[in-house]
Amino acid sequence: MRRLVALALLAGCARAPDQALLSAIGTAEALQHQADELEARGDRAAAIERARAALDVPFPAGAPERQDVRLDAWGRIAELELGRGEDAAAEEAVRAGLGEASRRSYFEARLFVVLGRIHRARATAARAAHDEDAARRESDAALEALERSIAINAEVLGIDPGGGRHP
């Protein structure tokens, strides 16, 4: 998926991509692939470290792709934290990413999907503990986060809430 994301970033460039931009995107992509491999080995802590390294990749001044790569990295960090049962750390990563979002994008919407997954995991745990009130609150929060993702994607696509396209 990350290769496709990098290609989409490049295809969306209105200007001809320069070597520095390509190198920055390529470095972040390689770091994310390292995180994937480390996760596959069962070393989530090292995977999180590699995903965090993508946050420090230098980009050419003013490159909007920098924000996209950073939001993608925050989402991956959150997924890795959630995978090791650290839902508070996962939510913290999502919130950090959302704090950096300055424009509507797929990457912002994706952070809300991850937030929905965090709340869904909490709802599942609450159900297992027979705490139906907490399960309902977390389920409602999951649905709300996912609805925010859908709304952001609709805005990016130029679709109004009634399903029509914006002119």
C-alpha atoms as a PDB file:
ATOM      1  CA  MET A   1       0.000   0.000   0.000  1.00  0.00           C
ATOM      2  CA  ARG A   2       2.745   2.466   0.848  1.00  0.00           C
ATOM      3  CA  ARG A   3       4.269   2.098  -2.631  1.00  0.00           C
ATOM      4  CA  LEU A   4       0.920   3.081  -4.078  1.00  0.00           C
ATOM      5  CA  VAL A   5       0.714   6.020  -1.700  1.00  0.00           C
ATOM      6  CA  ALA A   6       4.151   7.236  -2.790  1.00  0.00           C
ATOM      7  CA  LEU A   7       3.192   6.857  -6.432  1.00  0.00           C
ATOM      8  CA  ALA A   8      -0.051   8.728  -5.810  1.00  0.00           C
ATOM      9  CA  LEU A   9       1.886  11.516  -4.166  1.00  0.00           C
ATOM     10  CA  LEU A  10       4.132  11.794  -7.191  1.00  0.00           C
ATOM     11  CA  ALA A  11       1.280  11.576  -9.672  1.00  0.00           C
ATOM     12  CA  GLY A  12      -0.535  14.365  -7.839  1.00  0.00           C
ATOM     13  CA  CYS A  13       2.372  16.783  -8.098  1.00  0.00           C
ATOM     14  CA  ALA A  14       1.497  19.779 -10.245  1.00  0.00           C
ATOM     15  CA  ARG A  15       5.198  20.394 -10.776  1.00  0.00           C
ATOM     16  CA  ALA A  16       7.866  18.075 -12.038  1.00  0.00           C
ATOM     17  CA  PRO A  17       9.187  16.207  -8.985  1.00  0.00           C
ATOM     18  CA  ASP A  18      12.799  16.957  -8.173  1.00  0.00           C
ATOM     19  CA  GLN A  19      15.375  14.492  -6.927  1.00  0.00           C
ATOM     20  CA  ALA A  20      15.261  15.824  -3.357  1.00  0.00           C
ATOM     21  CA  LEU A  21      11.502  15.304  -3.198  1.00  0.00           C
ATOM     22  CA  LEU A  22      11.782  11.831  -4.694  1.00  0.00           C
ATOM     23  CA  SER A  23      14.552  10.960  -2.240  1.00  0.00           C
ATOM     24  CA  ALA A  24      12.546  12.200   0.742  1.00  0.00           C
ATOM     25  CA  ILE A  25       9.480  10.193  -0.287  1.00  0.00           C
ATOM     26  CA  GLY A  26      11.652   7.159  -1.036  1.00  0.00           C
ATOM     27  CA  THR A  27      13.379   7.364   2.333  1.00  0.00           C
ATOM     28  CA  ALA A  28      10.062   7.563   4.177  1.00  0.00           C
ATOM     29  CA  GLU A  29       8.743   4.646   2.140  1.00  0.00           C
ATOM     30  CA  ALA A  30      11.821   2.529   2.952  1.00  0.00           C
ATOM     31  CA  LEU A  31      11.460   3.328   6.652  1.00  0.00           C
ATOM     32  CA  GLN A  32       7.801   2.252   6.559  1.00  0.00           C
ATOM     33  CA  HIS A  33       8.755  -1.003   4.828  1.00  0.00           C
ATOM     34  CA  GLN A  34      11.368  -1.603   7.519  1.00  0.00           C
ATOM     35  CA  ALA A  35       8.633  -1.048  10.108  1.00  0.00           C
ATOM     36  CA  ASP A  36       6.460  -3.606   8.311  1.00  0.00           C
ATOM     37  CA  GLU A  37       9.249  -6.190   8.321  1.00  0.00           C
ATOM     38  CA  LEU A  38      10.090  -5.576  11.963  1.00  0.00           C
ATOM     39  CA  GLU A  39       6.427  -5.964  12.852  1.00  0.00           C
ATOM     40  CA  ALA A  40       6.315  -9.228  10.899  1.00  0.00           C
ATOM     41  CA  ARG A  41       9.263 -10.433  13.010  1.00  0.00           C
ATOM     42  CA  GLY A  42       7.286  -9.570  16.140  1.00  0.00           C
ATOM     43  CA  ASP A  43       9.432  -6.598  17.146  1.00  0.00           C
ATOM     44  CA  ARG A  44       6.797  -3.872  17.437  1.00  0.00           C
ATOM     45  CA  ALA A  45       9.038  -1.574  19.486  1.00  0.00           C
ATOM     46  CA  ALA A  46      11.643  -1.510  16.708  1.00  0.00           C
ATOM     47  CA  ALA A  47       8.865  -1.142  14.132  1.00  0.00           C
ATOM     48  CA  ILE A  48       7.557   1.923  15.958  1.00  0.00           C
ATOM     49  CA  GLU A  49      11.073   3.359  16.061  1.00  0.00           C
ATOM     50  CA  ARG A  50      11.416   2.965  12.263  1.00  0.00           C
ATOM     51  CA  ALA A  51       7.972   4.476  11.634  1.00  0.00           C
ATOM     52  CA  ARG A  52       8.898   7.401  13.908  1.00  0.00           C
ATOM     53  CA  ALA A  53      12.085   7.912  11.882  1.00  0.00           C
ATOM     54  CA  ALA A  54       9.854   8.783   8.904  1.00  0.00           C
ATOM     55  CA  LEU A  55       8.755  11.864  10.868  1.00  0.00           C
ATOM     56  CA  ASP A  56      12.313  13.224  10.664  1.00  0.00           C
ATOM     57  CA  VAL A  57      12.897  12.827   6.933  1.00  0.00           C
ATOM     58  CA  PRO A  58      13.890  16.216   5.511  1.00  0.00           C
ATOM     59  CA  PHE A  59      11.798  17.514   2.616  1.00  0.00           C
ATOM     60  CA  PRO A  60      12.404  20.389   0.240  1.00  0.00           C
ATOM     61  CA  ALA A  61      11.071  23.653   1.627  1.00  0.00           C
ATOM     62  CA  GLY A  62       7.360  24.098   1.018  1.00  0.00           C
ATOM     63  CA  ALA A  63       6.751  20.537  -0.249  1.00  0.00           C
ATOM     64  CA  PRO A  64       3.140  19.643   0.623  1.00  0.00           C
ATOM     65  CA  GLU A  65       4.109  15.973   0.436  1.00  0.00           C
ATOM     66  CA  ARG A  66       5.928  16.423   3.744  1.00  0.00           C
ATOM     67  CA  GLN A  67       2.626  16.730   5.576  1.00  0.00           C
ATOM     68  CA  ASP A  68       1.193  13.706   3.768  1.00  0.00           C
ATOM     69  CA  VAL A  69       4.197  11.558   4.693  1.00  0.00           C
ATOM     70  CA  ARG A  70       4.091  12.731   8.310  1.00  0.00           C
ATOM     71  CA  LEU A  71       0.361  12.042   8.687  1.00  0.00           C
ATOM     72  CA  ASP A  72       0.868   8.609   7.132  1.00  0.00           C
ATOM     73  CA  ALA A  73       3.689   7.935   9.617  1.00  0.00           C
ATOM     74  CA  TRP A  74       1.562   9.038  12.583  1.00  0.00           C
ATOM     75  CA  GLY A  75      -1.187   6.688  11.409  1.00  0.00           C
ATOM     76  CA  ARG A  76       1.259   3.790  11.128  1.00  0.00           C
ATOM     77  CA  ILE A  77       2.685   4.514  14.574  1.00  0.00           C
ATOM     78  CA  ALA A  78      -0.851   4.483  15.976  1.00  0.00           C
ATOM     79  CA  GLU A  79      -1.613   1.159  14.278  1.00  0.00           C
ATOM     80  CA  LEU A  80       1.558  -0.373  15.678  1.00  0.00           C
ATOM     81  CA  GLU A  81       0.786   0.913  19.181  1.00  0.00           C
ATOM     82  CA  LEU A  82      -2.753  -0.424  18.949  1.00  0.00           C
ATOM     83  CA  GLY A  83      -1.367  -3.759  17.779  1.00  0.00           C
ATOM     84  CA  ARG A  84       0.613  -4.086  20.967  1.00  0.00           C
ATOM     85  CA  GLY A  85      -2.380  -3.137  23.089  1.00  0.00           C
ATOM     86  CA  GLU A  86      -1.285   0.420  23.830  1.00  0.00           C
ATOM     87  CA  ASP A  87      -4.502   2.223  22.948  1.00  0.00           C
ATOM     88  CA  ALA A  88      -3.556   5.408  24.846  1.00  0.00           C
ATOM     89  CA  ALA A  89      -0.261   5.675  22.930  1.00  0.00           C
ATOM     90  CA  ALA A  90      -2.127   4.919  19.700  1.00  0.00           C
ATOM     91  CA  GLU A  91      -4.603   7.717  20.378  1.00  0.00           C
ATOM     92  CA  GLU A  92      -1.749  10.065  21.255  1.00  0.00           C
ATOM     93  CA  ALA A  93      -0.147   9.354  17.854  1.00  0.00           C
ATOM     94  CA  VAL A  94      -3.430  10.006  16.048  1.00  0.00           C
ATOM     95  CA  ARG A  95      -3.918  13.273  17.930  1.00  0.00           C
ATOM     96  CA  ALA A  96      -0.349  14.339  17.098  1.00  0.00           C
ATOM     97  CA  GLY A  97      -1.027  13.708  13.418  1.00  0.00           C
ATOM     98  CA  LEU A  98      -4.354  15.522  13.482  1.00  0.00           C
ATOM     99  CA  GLY A  99      -2.604  18.458  15.132  1.00  0.00           C
ATOM    100  CA  GLU A 100      -0.338  18.725  12.089  1.00  0.00           C
ATOM    101  CA  ALA A 101      -3.086  18.531   9.474  1.00  0.00           C
ATOM    102  CA  SER A 102      -3.467  21.917   7.825  1.00  0.00           C
ATOM    103  CA  ARG A 103      -5.526  20.846   4.815  1.00  0.00           C
ATOM    104  CA  ARG A 104      -8.093  18.198   4.013  1.00  0.00           C
ATOM    105  CA  SER A 105      -6.533  15.040   2.609  1.00  0.00           C
ATOM    106  CA  TYR A 106      -6.817  11.281   2.430  1.00  0.00           C
ATOM    107  CA  PHE A 107      -4.124  11.146   5.106  1.00  0.00           C
ATOM    108  CA  GLU A 108      -6.165  13.209   7.551  1.00  0.00           C
ATOM    109  CA  ALA A 109      -9.194  11.014   6.838  1.00  0.00           C
ATOM    110  CA  ARG A 110      -7.074   7.905   7.419  1.00  0.00           C
ATOM    111  CA  LEU A 111      -6.147   9.148  10.898  1.00  0.00           C
ATOM    112  CA  PHE A 112      -9.856   9.207  11.754  1.00  0.00           C
ATOM    113  CA  VAL A 113     -10.155   5.603  10.537  1.00  0.00           C
ATOM    114  CA  VAL A 114      -7.344   4.625  12.899  1.00  0.00           C
ATOM    115  CA  LEU A 115      -9.049   6.563  15.704  1.00  0.00           C
ATOM    116  CA  GLY A 116     -12.231   4.620  14.945  1.00  0.00           C
ATOM    117  CA  ARG A 117     -10.278   1.375  15.223  1.00  0.00           C
ATOM    118  CA  ILE A 118      -8.917   2.482  18.607  1.00  0.00           C
ATOM    119  CA  HIS A 119     -12.423   3.174  19.923  1.00  0.00           C
ATOM    120  CA  ARG A 120     -13.659  -0.088  18.435  1.00  0.00           C
ATOM    121  CA  ALA A 121     -10.925  -2.011  20.278  1.00  0.00           C
ATOM    122  CA  ARG A 122     -11.937  -0.266  23.496  1.00  0.00           C
ATOM    123  CA  ALA A 123     -15.593  -1.112  22.873  1.00  0.00           C
ATOM    124  CA  THR A 124     -14.665  -4.758  22.345  1.00  0.00           C
ATOM    125  CA  ALA A 125     -12.691  -4.808  25.599  1.00  0.00           C
ATOM    126  CA  ALA A 126     -15.563  -3.167  27.459  1.00  0.00           C
ATOM    127  CA  ARG A 127     -18.015  -5.745  26.102  1.00  0.00           C
ATOM    128  CA  ALA A 128     -15.687  -8.541  27.231  1.00  0.00           C
ATOM    129  CA  ALA A 129     -15.655  -6.949  30.700  1.00  0.00           C
ATOM    130  CA  HIS A 130     -19.476  -6.740  30.619  1.00  0.00           C
ATOM    131  CA  ASP A 131     -19.359  -2.937  30.853  1.00  0.00           C
ATOM    132  CA  GLU A 132     -22.126  -2.142  28.412  1.00  0.00           C
ATOM    133  CA  ASP A 133     -22.147   1.593  29.173  1.00  0.00           C
ATOM    134  CA  ALA A 134     -18.450   1.946  28.322  1.00  0.00           C
ATOM    135  CA  ALA A 135     -18.907  -0.327  25.297  1.00  0.00           C
ATOM    136  CA  ARG A 136     -21.697   1.920  23.997  1.00  0.00           C
ATOM    137  CA  ARG A 137     -19.662   5.114  24.551  1.00  0.00           C
ATOM    138  CA  GLU A 138     -16.652   3.669  22.749  1.00  0.00           C
ATOM    139  CA  SER A 139     -18.818   2.279  19.966  1.00  0.00           C
ATOM    140  CA  ASP A 140     -20.426   5.706  19.514  1.00  0.00           C
ATOM    141  CA  ALA A 141     -16.968   7.317  19.457  1.00  0.00           C
ATOM    142  CA  ALA A 142     -15.820   4.788  16.829  1.00  0.00           C
ATOM    143  CA  LEU A 143     -18.805   5.542  14.625  1.00  0.00           C
ATOM    144  CA  GLU A 144     -18.246   9.290  15.020  1.00  0.00           C
ATOM    145  CA  ALA A 145     -14.556   9.030  14.079  1.00  0.00           C
ATOM    146  CA  LEU A 146     -15.383   6.929  11.029  1.00  0.00           C
ATOM    147  CA  GLU A 147     -18.084   9.397  10.023  1.00  0.00           C
ATOM    148  CA  ARG A 148     -15.497  12.201  10.210  1.00  0.00           C
ATOM    149  CA  SER A 149     -13.256  10.171   7.896  1.00  0.00           C
ATOM    150  CA  ILE A 150     -16.093   9.736   5.429  1.00  0.00           C
ATOM    151  CA  ALA A 151     -16.907  13.462   5.558  1.00  0.00           C
ATOM    152  CA  ILE A 152     -13.279  14.460   4.951  1.00  0.00           C
ATOM    153  CA  ASN A 153     -13.007  12.068   2.016  1.00  0.00           C
ATOM    154  CA  ALA A 154     -16.263  13.433   0.610  1.00  0.00           C
ATOM    155  CA  GLU A 155     -14.843  16.944   0.877  1.00  0.00           C
ATOM    156  CA  VAL A 156     -11.627  15.869  -0.865  1.00  0.00           C
ATOM    157  CA  LEU A 157     -13.706  14.247  -3.600  1.00  0.00           C
ATOM    158  CA  GLY A 158     -15.911  17.321  -3.941  1.00  0.00           C
ATOM    159  CA  ILE A 159     -19.043  15.453  -2.933  1.00  0.00           C
ATOM    160  CA  ASP A 160     -21.703  17.203  -0.870  1.00  0.00           C
ATOM    161  CA  PRO A 161     -23.427  15.415   2.025  1.00  0.00           C
ATOM    162  CA  GLY A 162     -26.453  14.705  -0.187  1.00  0.00           C
ATOM    163  CA  GLY A 163     -24.267  12.682  -2.535  1.00  0.00           C
ATOM    164  CA  GLY A 164     -23.965  15.194  -5.377  1.00  0.00           C
ATOM    165  CA  ARG A 165     -20.714  16.554  -6.738  1.00  0.00           C
ATOM    166  CA  HIS A 166     -19.610  20.107  -6.159  1.00  0.00           C
ATOM    167  CA  PRO A 167     -19.293  22.173  -9.330  1.00  0.00           C
END
